[in-house]
C-alpha atoms as a PDB file:
ATOM      1  CA  MET A   1      20.771   3.153  31.386  1.00  0.00           C
ATOM      2  CA  SER A   2      20.193  -0.288  32.835  1.00  0.00           C
ATOM      3  CA  GLY A   3      17.041   0.893  34.663  1.00  0.00           C
ATOM      4  CA  GLN A   4      15.729   2.185  31.339  1.00  0.00           C
ATOM      5  CA  LEU A   5      16.400  -1.173  29.597  1.00  0.00           C
ATOM      6  CA  LYS A   6      14.832  -3.000  32.481  1.00  0.00           C
ATOM      7  CA  LYS A   7      11.685  -1.062  32.969  1.00  0.00           C
ATOM      8  CA  ASN A   8      10.975   0.595  29.630  1.00  0.00           C
ATOM      9  CA  ARG A   9      12.229  -2.064  27.284  1.00  0.00           C
ATOM     10  CA  GLY A  10      11.434  -5.141  29.174  1.00  0.00           C
ATOM     11  CA  PHE A  11      14.955  -6.659  29.307  1.00  0.00           C
ATOM     12  CA  ARG A  12      15.127  -8.336  32.703  1.00  0.00           C
ATOM     13  CA  ARG A  13      16.809 -11.583  31.857  1.00  0.00           C
ATOM     14  CA  PHE A  14      19.235 -13.064  29.373  1.00  0.00           C
ATOM     15  CA  LEU A  15      19.314 -16.466  28.070  1.00  0.00           C
ATOM     16  CA  LEU A  16      23.080 -16.705  28.488  1.00  0.00           C
ATOM     17  CA  ARG A  17      25.246 -16.736  31.470  1.00  0.00           C
ATOM     18  CA  GLY A  18      28.695 -15.330  32.051  1.00  0.00           C
ATOM     19  CA  ILE A  19      30.055 -11.897  31.178  1.00  0.00           C
ATOM     20  CA  GLU A  20      31.658 -13.046  27.966  1.00  0.00           C
ATOM     21  CA  LYS A  21      28.359 -14.267  26.647  1.00  0.00           C
ATOM     22  CA  VAL A  22      26.151 -11.396  27.797  1.00  0.00           C
ATOM     23  CA  THR A  23      28.482  -8.568  26.796  1.00  0.00           C
ATOM     24  CA  PRO A  24      27.369  -8.676  23.041  1.00  0.00           C
ATOM     25  CA  PRO A  25      23.720  -8.508  23.629  1.00  0.00           C
ATOM     26  CA  VAL A  26      24.182  -5.760  26.181  1.00  0.00           C
ATOM     27  CA  GLY A  27      26.346  -3.829  23.703  1.00  0.00           C
ATOM     28  CA  GLY A  28      23.599  -4.039  21.093  1.00  0.00           C
ATOM     29  CA  LEU A  29      20.986  -2.917  23.536  1.00  0.00           C
ATOM     30  CA  SER A  30      23.169   0.019  24.485  1.00  0.00           C
ATOM     31  CA  LEU A  31      23.848   1.002  20.847  1.00  0.00           C
ATOM     32  CA  ALA A  32      19.927   0.885  20.329  1.00  0.00           C
ATOM     33  CA  TYR A  33      19.379   2.996  23.390  1.00  0.00           C
ATOM     34  CA  ASN A  34      21.752   5.603  22.363  1.00  0.00           C
ATOM     35  CA  VAL A  35      20.461   5.792  18.840  1.00  0.00           C
ATOM     36  CA  LEU A  36      16.966   6.272  20.090  1.00  0.00           C
ATOM     37  CA  LYS A  37      17.924   8.893  22.523  1.00  0.00           C
ATOM     38  CA  GLN A  38      19.836  10.740  19.714  1.00  0.00           C
ATOM     39  CA  ALA A  39      16.902  10.508  17.430  1.00  0.00           C
ATOM     40  CA  ALA A  40      14.667  12.109  20.136  1.00  0.00           C
ATOM     41  CA  VAL A  41      17.071  14.980  20.773  1.00  0.00           C
ATOM     42  CA  ASP A  42      17.395  15.613  16.907  1.00  0.00           C
ATOM     43  CA  GLN A  43      13.489  15.646  16.694  1.00  0.00           C
ATOM     44  CA  GLN A  44      13.341  18.307  19.539  1.00  0.00           C
ATOM     45  CA  ARG A  45      15.955  20.351  17.831  1.00  0.00           C
ATOM     46  CA  ARG A  46      14.095  20.260  14.569  1.00  0.00           C
ATOM     47  CA  ALA A  47      10.890  21.274  16.196  1.00  0.00           C
ATOM     48  CA  VAL A  48      12.417  24.276  17.784  1.00  0.00           C
ATOM     49  CA  ILE A  49      14.065  25.491  14.548  1.00  0.00           C
ATOM     50  CA  LEU A  50      10.694  25.074  12.577  1.00  0.00           C
ATOM     51  CA  GLN A  51       8.900  27.464  15.095  1.00  0.00           C
END
């Protein structure tokens, strides 16, 4: 996942330092990544069903 965020989404640096401060933004990015991934899977399933 981190490679996907770095390359495809452009998240290479954070303005904060320290694991305690960086954890919430990474959690939000992880959530967004998983929602987008699930939406793509759902869209593919709908396309197969409609055929």
